[in-house]
Amino acid sequence: MKITIVCVGKIKEKYWTMALAEYEKRLSRYCKMDIVQVEDEKTPDGASKAAQEAVMEREGRRILDKIPDNAYVIALAIEGTMLDSVELSEKMDRLALLGESHLLFVIGGSLGLSASVMKRADFALSFSKMTFPHQMMRVILLEQIYRAYRIRNKEPYHK
């Protein structure tokens, strides 16, 4: 299976980069992993709702440009469905059995994902009702994908 993560913004801190590299290394035995970063938009302080929507749409266009037609798109969104680790593993299994060979996860910028990205998504996944920094969310997502593969293969890790 191929897994792609399309995310807004760059990782600046070395500790996040090191954590991501560790999970990418661990995942390499289970899948082909790609992380695609798109440029984030600066949001002015006190931006109006319309200005925020415009920022999300510009970021959204960049995200959509990176999504191939054949990908099954999972958008990370607070309003999405919450799954536990076993349920995520089972969902990934079901998708593979249905012939989905390319899962693409989308992590938005500080304002979230545009309506156009959410419309393109095949599934919206929520990790919490809380908001996380996008750098941290990348690490959490990779850890959960790794955990899903370990569960799927009945390998110790997920306890």
N, C-alpha and C. Protein backbone atom coordinates (compact mmCIF):
# COMPACT_ATOMS: atom_id res chain seq x y z
N MET A 1 0.84 -1.18 0.00
CA MET A 1 0.00 0.00 0.00
C MET A 1 0.88 1.24 0.00
N LYS A 2 0.38 2.27 -0.67
CA LYS A 2 1.06 3.56 -0.66
C LYS A 2 0.28 4.49 0.26
N ILE A 3 1.00 5.19 1.10
CA ILE A 3 0.40 6.17 1.99
C ILE A 3 1.09 7.50 1.76
N THR A 4 0.27 8.51 1.52
CA THR A 4 0.77 9.86 1.33
C THR A 4 0.12 10.75 2.38
N ILE A 5 0.92 11.65 2.92
CA ILE A 5 0.39 12.68 3.81
C ILE A 5 0.64 14.01 3.14
N VAL A 6 -0.43 14.73 2.86
CA VAL A 6 -0.32 16.07 2.31
C VAL A 6 -0.62 17.02 3.46
N CYS A 7 0.31 17.92 3.72
CA CYS A 7 0.16 18.80 4.88
C CYS A 7 0.60 20.22 4.54
N VAL A 8 0.03 21.13 5.28
CA VAL A 8 0.30 22.56 5.09
C VAL A 8 1.44 22.97 6.02
N GLY A 9 2.42 23.65 5.46
CA GLY A 9 3.51 24.20 6.25
C GLY A 9 4.70 23.27 6.36
N LYS A 10 5.80 23.86 6.80
CA LYS A 10 7.06 23.14 6.94
C LYS A 10 7.33 22.83 8.40
N ILE A 11 8.14 21.81 8.59
CA ILE A 11 8.61 21.48 9.93
C ILE A 11 9.90 22.25 10.16
N LYS A 12 9.95 23.02 11.22
CA LYS A 12 11.14 23.85 11.50
C LYS A 12 11.99 23.28 12.62
N GLU A 13 11.35 22.64 13.59
CA GLU A 13 12.08 22.16 14.76
C GLU A 13 12.69 20.79 14.49
N LYS A 14 13.94 20.64 14.92
CA LYS A 14 14.67 19.40 14.67
C LYS A 14 14.02 18.21 15.36
N TYR A 15 13.48 18.39 16.56
CA TYR A 15 12.89 17.26 17.28
C TYR A 15 11.69 16.68 16.54
N TRP A 16 10.88 17.51 15.85
CA TRP A 16 9.77 16.99 15.06
C TRP A 16 10.30 16.24 13.85
N THR A 17 11.32 16.81 13.22
CA THR A 17 11.93 16.16 12.05
C THR A 17 12.48 14.79 12.42
N MET A 18 13.12 14.70 13.58
CA MET A 18 13.68 13.43 14.03
C MET A 18 12.58 12.42 14.33
N ALA A 19 11.50 12.86 14.96
CA ALA A 19 10.39 11.95 15.25
C ALA A 19 9.75 11.45 13.97
N LEU A 20 9.54 12.33 13.00
CA LEU A 20 8.97 11.93 11.72
C LEU A 20 9.87 10.93 11.01
N ALA A 21 11.17 11.19 11.02
CA ALA A 21 12.12 10.28 10.38
C ALA A 21 12.08 8.89 11.02
N GLU A 22 11.95 8.84 12.32
CA GLU A 22 11.88 7.55 13.02
C GLU A 22 10.64 6.76 12.58
N TYR A 23 9.47 7.42 12.53
CA TYR A 23 8.27 6.70 12.12
C TYR A 23 8.29 6.35 10.63
N GLU A 24 8.86 7.21 9.81
CA GLU A 24 8.99 6.87 8.38
C GLU A 24 9.87 5.62 8.23
N LYS A 25 10.94 5.54 9.01
CA LYS A 25 11.81 4.36 8.97
C LYS A 25 11.04 3.12 9.40
N ARG A 26 10.30 3.22 10.50
CA ARG A 26 9.53 2.08 10.99
C ARG A 26 8.47 1.64 9.98
N LEU A 27 7.84 2.61 9.34
CA LEU A 27 6.78 2.29 8.38
C LEU A 27 7.30 1.72 7.07
N SER A 28 8.56 1.92 6.77
CA SER A 28 9.12 1.50 5.48
C SER A 28 8.99 -0.01 5.27
N ARG A 29 8.87 -0.79 6.32
CA ARG A 29 8.71 -2.23 6.14
C ARG A 29 7.28 -2.63 5.83
N TYR A 30 6.33 -1.69 5.98
CA TYR A 30 4.93 -1.99 5.76
C TYR A 30 4.33 -1.34 4.51
N CYS A 31 4.83 -0.18 4.15
CA CYS A 31 4.20 0.57 3.06
C CYS A 31 5.21 1.54 2.44
N LYS A 32 4.79 2.10 1.31
CA LYS A 32 5.56 3.19 0.71
C LYS A 32 4.96 4.48 1.25
N MET A 33 5.79 5.30 1.87
CA MET A 33 5.32 6.52 2.55
C MET A 33 5.89 7.76 1.87
N ASP A 34 5.02 8.72 1.62
CA ASP A 34 5.44 10.03 1.11
C ASP A 34 4.79 11.12 1.95
N ILE A 35 5.57 12.14 2.26
CA ILE A 35 5.01 13.33 2.91
C ILE A 35 5.21 14.49 1.96
N VAL A 36 4.11 15.13 1.62
CA VAL A 36 4.12 16.25 0.68
C VAL A 36 3.70 17.49 1.45
N GLN A 37 4.55 18.49 1.44
CA GLN A 37 4.25 19.75 2.13
C GLN A 37 3.83 20.81 1.11
N VAL A 38 2.80 21.55 1.44
CA VAL A 38 2.41 22.70 0.62
C VAL A 38 2.60 23.95 1.45
N GLU A 39 2.82 25.04 0.77
CA GLU A 39 3.08 26.32 1.45
C GLU A 39 1.86 26.78 2.24
N ASP A 40 2.11 27.28 3.44
CA ASP A 40 1.02 27.84 4.23
C ASP A 40 0.86 29.32 3.91
N GLU A 41 -0.30 29.83 4.21
CA GLU A 41 -0.63 31.24 4.03
C GLU A 41 -0.52 31.95 5.37
N LYS A 42 -0.02 33.12 5.33
CA LYS A 42 0.01 33.94 6.55
C LYS A 42 -1.38 34.53 6.76
N THR A 43 -1.88 34.37 7.97
CA THR A 43 -3.18 34.93 8.31
C THR A 43 -2.95 36.15 9.18
N PRO A 44 -3.41 37.31 8.71
CA PRO A 44 -3.22 38.53 9.51
C PRO A 44 -3.96 38.43 10.85
N ASP A 45 -3.38 39.01 11.88
CA ASP A 45 -4.06 39.07 13.18
C ASP A 45 -5.40 39.78 13.02
N GLY A 46 -6.41 39.24 13.65
CA GLY A 46 -7.73 39.85 13.59
C GLY A 46 -8.38 39.73 12.22
N ALA A 47 -7.97 38.74 11.42
CA ALA A 47 -8.54 38.58 10.08
C ALA A 47 -10.04 38.30 10.17
N SER A 48 -10.77 38.88 9.24
CA SER A 48 -12.22 38.65 9.19
C SER A 48 -12.51 37.22 8.79
N LYS A 49 -13.74 36.80 8.96
CA LYS A 49 -14.16 35.45 8.55
C LYS A 49 -13.91 35.25 7.05
N ALA A 50 -14.20 36.27 6.26
CA ALA A 50 -13.99 36.18 4.81
C ALA A 50 -12.50 36.04 4.48
N ALA A 51 -11.65 36.77 5.19
CA ALA A 51 -10.20 36.67 4.96
C ALA A 51 -9.70 35.28 5.36
N GLN A 52 -10.23 34.75 6.45
CA GLN A 52 -9.84 33.40 6.86
C GLN A 52 -10.28 32.36 5.83
N GLU A 53 -11.48 32.51 5.31
CA GLU A 53 -11.98 31.59 4.27
C GLU A 53 -11.08 31.67 3.03
N ALA A 54 -10.65 32.87 2.67
CA ALA A 54 -9.78 33.04 1.51
C ALA A 54 -8.44 32.34 1.72
N VAL A 55 -7.90 32.44 2.93
CA VAL A 55 -6.64 31.76 3.27
C VAL A 55 -6.82 30.25 3.13
N MET A 56 -7.92 29.73 3.69
CA MET A 56 -8.16 28.28 3.60
C MET A 56 -8.34 27.84 2.16
N GLU A 57 -9.00 28.64 1.35
CA GLU A 57 -9.20 28.29 -0.07
C GLU A 57 -7.87 28.26 -0.82
N ARG A 58 -6.99 29.23 -0.56
CA ARG A 58 -5.67 29.23 -1.24
C ARG A 58 -4.87 27.99 -0.83
N GLU A 59 -4.87 27.69 0.47
CA GLU A 59 -4.18 26.48 0.92
C GLU A 59 -4.87 25.24 0.33
N GLY A 60 -6.19 25.27 0.28
CA GLY A 60 -6.96 24.15 -0.27
C GLY A 60 -6.63 23.86 -1.72
N ARG A 61 -6.46 24.90 -2.52
CA ARG A 61 -6.09 24.70 -3.93
C ARG A 61 -4.73 24.01 -4.03
N ARG A 62 -3.80 24.41 -3.16
CA ARG A 62 -2.47 23.78 -3.16
C ARG A 62 -2.57 22.30 -2.78
N ILE A 63 -3.41 22.02 -1.79
CA ILE A 63 -3.62 20.63 -1.36
C ILE A 63 -4.23 19.82 -2.50
N LEU A 64 -5.30 20.33 -3.08
CA LEU A 64 -6.00 19.60 -4.14
C LEU A 64 -5.09 19.32 -5.33
N ASP A 65 -4.17 20.22 -5.61
CA ASP A 65 -3.20 20.01 -6.71
C ASP A 65 -2.31 18.80 -6.46
N LYS A 66 -2.17 18.39 -5.21
CA LYS A 66 -1.28 17.27 -4.85
C LYS A 66 -2.02 15.94 -4.71
N ILE A 67 -3.34 15.94 -4.92
CA ILE A 67 -4.13 14.73 -4.73
C ILE A 67 -4.41 14.08 -6.08
N PRO A 68 -3.86 12.88 -6.30
CA PRO A 68 -4.18 12.17 -7.55
C PRO A 68 -5.61 11.64 -7.53
N ASP A 69 -6.18 11.45 -8.69
CA ASP A 69 -7.57 10.99 -8.81
C ASP A 69 -7.81 9.65 -8.14
N ASN A 70 -6.82 8.77 -8.15
CA ASN A 70 -7.02 7.40 -7.66
C ASN A 70 -6.82 7.25 -6.16
N ALA A 71 -6.52 8.31 -5.45
CA ALA A 71 -6.25 8.22 -4.02
C ALA A 71 -7.56 8.22 -3.22
N TYR A 72 -7.56 7.43 -2.15
CA TYR A 72 -8.64 7.48 -1.16
C TYR A 72 -8.21 8.53 -0.14
N VAL A 73 -8.97 9.61 -0.03
CA VAL A 73 -8.56 10.77 0.75
C VAL A 73 -9.22 10.76 2.13
N ILE A 74 -8.35 10.83 3.16
CA ILE A 74 -8.80 10.91 4.54
C ILE A 74 -8.37 12.27 5.09
N ALA A 75 -9.35 13.13 5.32
CA ALA A 75 -9.07 14.48 5.83
C ALA A 75 -9.10 14.46 7.35
N LEU A 76 -8.09 15.02 7.97
CA LEU A 76 -8.09 15.15 9.42
C LEU A 76 -8.85 16.42 9.77
N ALA A 77 -9.95 16.24 10.49
CA ALA A 77 -10.82 17.37 10.80
C ALA A 77 -11.51 17.13 12.13
N ILE A 78 -11.61 18.17 12.93
CA ILE A 78 -12.23 18.07 14.25
C ILE A 78 -13.64 17.49 14.14
N GLU A 79 -14.37 17.84 13.10
CA GLU A 79 -15.75 17.38 12.95
C GLU A 79 -15.85 15.98 12.34
N GLY A 80 -14.73 15.33 12.10
CA GLY A 80 -14.73 13.99 11.52
C GLY A 80 -15.14 12.92 12.53
N THR A 81 -15.05 11.69 12.08
CA THR A 81 -15.38 10.53 12.90
C THR A 81 -14.18 10.15 13.76
N MET A 82 -14.41 9.95 15.04
CA MET A 82 -13.34 9.50 15.92
C MET A 82 -13.27 7.98 15.89
N LEU A 83 -12.07 7.46 15.71
CA LEU A 83 -11.82 6.02 15.73
C LEU A 83 -10.75 5.75 16.77
N ASP A 84 -10.84 4.58 17.41
CA ASP A 84 -9.71 4.20 18.24
C ASP A 84 -8.66 3.52 17.35
N SER A 85 -7.54 3.14 17.90
CA SER A 85 -6.44 2.60 17.09
C SER A 85 -6.82 1.31 16.38
N VAL A 86 -7.57 0.45 17.05
CA VAL A 86 -8.00 -0.82 16.43
C VAL A 86 -8.96 -0.52 15.28
N GLU A 87 -9.88 0.41 15.49
CA GLU A 87 -10.83 0.77 14.43
C GLU A 87 -10.12 1.37 13.22
N LEU A 88 -9.09 2.18 13.45
CA LEU A 88 -8.33 2.73 12.32
C LEU A 88 -7.64 1.60 11.56
N SER A 89 -7.05 0.66 12.28
CA SER A 89 -6.41 -0.49 11.65
C SER A 89 -7.42 -1.28 10.82
N GLU A 90 -8.59 -1.51 11.38
CA GLU A 90 -9.64 -2.24 10.67
C GLU A 90 -10.12 -1.48 9.44
N LYS A 91 -10.23 -0.16 9.55
CA LYS A 91 -10.64 0.65 8.40
C LYS A 91 -9.61 0.54 7.28
N MET A 92 -8.33 0.65 7.64
CA MET A 92 -7.28 0.53 6.64
C MET A 92 -7.30 -0.85 5.99
N ASP A 93 -7.56 -1.89 6.78
CA ASP A 93 -7.69 -3.26 6.25
C ASP A 93 -8.83 -3.35 5.25
N ARG A 94 -10.00 -2.83 5.64
CA ARG A 94 -11.18 -2.88 4.76
C ARG A 94 -10.91 -2.16 3.45
N LEU A 95 -10.27 -0.99 3.54
CA LEU A 95 -9.97 -0.24 2.32
C LEU A 95 -9.04 -1.02 1.40
N ALA A 96 -8.05 -1.69 1.99
CA ALA A 96 -7.14 -2.51 1.18
C ALA A 96 -7.91 -3.65 0.51
N LEU A 97 -8.81 -4.28 1.25
CA LEU A 97 -9.61 -5.39 0.68
C LEU A 97 -10.53 -4.90 -0.44
N LEU A 98 -10.94 -3.65 -0.35
CA LEU A 98 -11.79 -3.07 -1.39
C LEU A 98 -10.99 -2.59 -2.60
N GLY A 99 -9.67 -2.75 -2.54
CA GLY A 99 -8.83 -2.39 -3.68
C GLY A 99 -8.23 -1.00 -3.62
N GLU A 100 -8.39 -0.34 -2.50
CA GLU A 100 -7.78 0.99 -2.35
C GLU A 100 -6.29 0.80 -2.06
N SER A 101 -5.45 1.14 -3.02
CA SER A 101 -4.01 0.91 -2.85
C SER A 101 -3.25 2.17 -2.47
N HIS A 102 -3.94 3.31 -2.47
CA HIS A 102 -3.29 4.58 -2.14
C HIS A 102 -4.17 5.36 -1.17
N LEU A 103 -3.74 5.39 0.10
CA LEU A 103 -4.42 6.21 1.11
C LEU A 103 -3.69 7.53 1.22
N LEU A 104 -4.43 8.61 1.17
CA LEU A 104 -3.84 9.94 1.26
C LEU A 104 -4.51 10.68 2.41
N PHE A 105 -3.71 11.02 3.41
CA PHE A 105 -4.19 11.77 4.57
C PHE A 105 -3.88 13.24 4.37
N VAL A 106 -4.81 14.12 4.75
CA VAL A 106 -4.62 15.56 4.60
C VAL A 106 -4.66 16.23 5.97
N ILE A 107 -3.62 17.01 6.26
CA ILE A 107 -3.55 17.82 7.48
C ILE A 107 -3.54 19.28 7.05
N GLY A 108 -4.52 20.02 7.50
CA GLY A 108 -4.64 21.41 7.11
C GLY A 108 -3.74 22.33 7.90
N GLY A 109 -3.85 23.60 7.60
CA GLY A 109 -3.08 24.63 8.29
C GLY A 109 -3.77 25.06 9.57
N SER A 110 -3.36 26.18 10.09
CA SER A 110 -3.85 26.64 11.40
C SER A 110 -5.35 26.94 11.41
N LEU A 111 -5.94 27.20 10.26
CA LEU A 111 -7.37 27.50 10.21
C LEU A 111 -8.20 26.27 9.85
N GLY A 112 -7.55 25.20 9.50
CA GLY A 112 -8.27 23.99 9.11
C GLY A 112 -8.27 23.79 7.61
N LEU A 113 -9.23 23.00 7.14
CA LEU A 113 -9.31 22.64 5.73
C LEU A 113 -10.46 23.37 5.05
N SER A 114 -10.25 23.73 3.81
CA SER A 114 -11.29 24.42 3.04
C SER A 114 -12.44 23.47 2.72
N ALA A 115 -13.57 24.06 2.38
CA ALA A 115 -14.75 23.28 2.00
C ALA A 115 -14.44 22.42 0.77
N SER A 116 -13.64 22.93 -0.15
CA SER A 116 -13.33 22.16 -1.36
C SER A 116 -12.50 20.92 -1.04
N VAL A 117 -11.59 21.00 -0.08
CA VAL A 117 -10.81 19.82 0.33
C VAL A 117 -11.73 18.84 1.04
N MET A 118 -12.59 19.33 1.91
CA MET A 118 -13.51 18.44 2.62
C MET A 118 -14.46 17.75 1.64
N LYS A 119 -14.85 18.45 0.60
CA LYS A 119 -15.72 17.84 -0.42
C LYS A 119 -15.00 16.72 -1.16
N ARG A 120 -13.71 16.89 -1.40
CA ARG A 120 -12.92 15.87 -2.11
C ARG A 120 -12.63 14.67 -1.21
N ALA A 121 -12.65 14.84 0.09
CA ALA A 121 -12.32 13.77 1.02
C ALA A 121 -13.35 12.64 0.94
N ASP A 122 -12.84 11.42 1.04
CA ASP A 122 -13.70 10.24 1.08
C ASP A 122 -14.12 9.93 2.51
N PHE A 123 -13.34 10.43 3.47
CA PHE A 123 -13.61 10.17 4.88
C PHE A 123 -12.97 11.29 5.70
N ALA A 124 -13.66 11.74 6.73
CA ALA A 124 -13.10 12.74 7.65
C ALA A 124 -12.80 12.04 8.97
N LEU A 125 -11.57 12.16 9.42
CA LEU A 125 -11.10 11.50 10.63
C LEU A 125 -10.75 12.55 11.68
N SER A 126 -11.27 12.35 12.88
CA SER A 126 -10.96 13.25 13.99
C SER A 126 -10.13 12.50 15.01
N PHE A 127 -9.06 13.13 15.46
CA PHE A 127 -8.25 12.55 16.53
C PHE A 127 -8.70 13.06 17.88
N SER A 128 -9.42 14.18 17.89
CA SER A 128 -9.87 14.77 19.14
C SER A 128 -10.69 16.01 18.81
N LYS A 129 -11.41 16.51 19.79
CA LYS A 129 -12.07 17.80 19.62
C LYS A 129 -11.10 18.95 19.88
N MET A 130 -9.90 18.58 20.35
CA MET A 130 -8.87 19.59 20.60
C MET A 130 -8.14 19.93 19.30
N THR A 131 -7.49 21.06 19.30
CA THR A 131 -6.67 21.48 18.17
C THR A 131 -5.22 21.20 18.51
N PHE A 132 -4.49 20.63 17.54
CA PHE A 132 -3.07 20.33 17.72
C PHE A 132 -2.25 21.12 16.70
N PRO A 133 -1.02 21.48 17.03
CA PRO A 133 -0.13 22.09 16.03
C PRO A 133 0.10 21.08 14.90
N HIS A 134 0.19 21.60 13.66
CA HIS A 134 0.31 20.69 12.52
C HIS A 134 1.57 19.83 12.60
N GLN A 135 2.65 20.35 13.18
CA GLN A 135 3.87 19.54 13.31
C GLN A 135 3.61 18.33 14.21
N MET A 136 2.95 18.57 15.32
CA MET A 136 2.64 17.49 16.25
C MET A 136 1.66 16.49 15.63
N MET A 137 0.70 17.01 14.88
CA MET A 137 -0.31 16.15 14.26
C MET A 137 0.33 15.20 13.27
N ARG A 138 1.36 15.65 12.57
CA ARG A 138 2.06 14.76 11.64
C ARG A 138 2.66 13.57 12.38
N VAL A 139 3.30 13.85 13.52
CA VAL A 139 3.92 12.78 14.31
C VAL A 139 2.84 11.85 14.86
N ILE A 140 1.77 12.41 15.39
CA ILE A 140 0.68 11.59 15.92
C ILE A 140 0.09 10.71 14.82
N LEU A 141 -0.14 11.28 13.65
CA LEU A 141 -0.70 10.51 12.54
C LEU A 141 0.23 9.37 12.13
N LEU A 142 1.51 9.66 11.97
CA LEU A 142 2.46 8.60 11.59
C LEU A 142 2.51 7.51 12.66
N GLU A 143 2.47 7.90 13.92
CA GLU A 143 2.48 6.91 14.99
C GLU A 143 1.24 6.03 14.91
N GLN A 144 0.10 6.61 14.63
CA GLN A 144 -1.14 5.82 14.56
C GLN A 144 -1.17 4.92 13.32
N ILE A 145 -0.61 5.38 12.23
CA ILE A 145 -0.52 4.52 11.04
C ILE A 145 0.41 3.34 11.34
N TYR A 146 1.53 3.62 12.00
CA TYR A 146 2.45 2.56 12.38
C TYR A 146 1.75 1.57 13.33
N ARG A 147 1.05 2.10 14.30
CA ARG A 147 0.32 1.26 15.26
C ARG A 147 -0.71 0.40 14.51
N ALA A 148 -1.39 0.99 13.53
CA ALA A 148 -2.39 0.24 12.75
C ALA A 148 -1.76 -0.95 12.04
N TYR A 149 -0.59 -0.76 11.48
CA TYR A 149 0.10 -1.88 10.82
C TYR A 149 0.52 -2.94 11.83
N ARG A 150 0.98 -2.51 12.98
CA ARG A 150 1.37 -3.48 14.01
C ARG A 150 0.15 -4.29 14.47
N ILE A 151 -0.98 -3.64 14.67
CA ILE A 151 -2.22 -4.32 15.04
C ILE A 151 -2.62 -5.29 13.94
N ARG A 152 -2.62 -4.81 12.72
CA ARG A 152 -3.01 -5.62 11.56
C ARG A 152 -2.19 -6.90 11.47
N ASN A 153 -0.91 -6.80 11.76
CA ASN A 153 0.00 -7.94 11.66
C ASN A 153 0.13 -8.72 12.96
N LYS A 154 -0.72 -8.37 13.93
CA LYS A 154 -0.70 -9.04 15.25
C LYS A 154 0.69 -9.02 15.88
N GLU A 155 1.35 -7.89 15.75
CA GLU A 155 2.68 -7.69 16.32
C GLU A 155 2.54 -6.86 17.60
N PRO A 156 3.37 -7.11 18.58
CA PRO A 156 3.25 -6.35 19.84
C PRO A 156 3.57 -4.88 19.62
N TYR A 157 2.78 -4.03 20.24
CA TYR A 157 3.05 -2.59 20.25
C TYR A 157 1.88 -1.80 20.79
N HIS A 158 0.68 -2.19 20.44
CA HIS A 158 -0.49 -1.33 20.63
C HIS A 158 -1.09 -1.34 22.02
N LYS A 159 -0.50 -2.01 22.98
CA LYS A 159 -1.10 -2.09 24.31
C LYS A 159 -0.82 -0.85 25.12
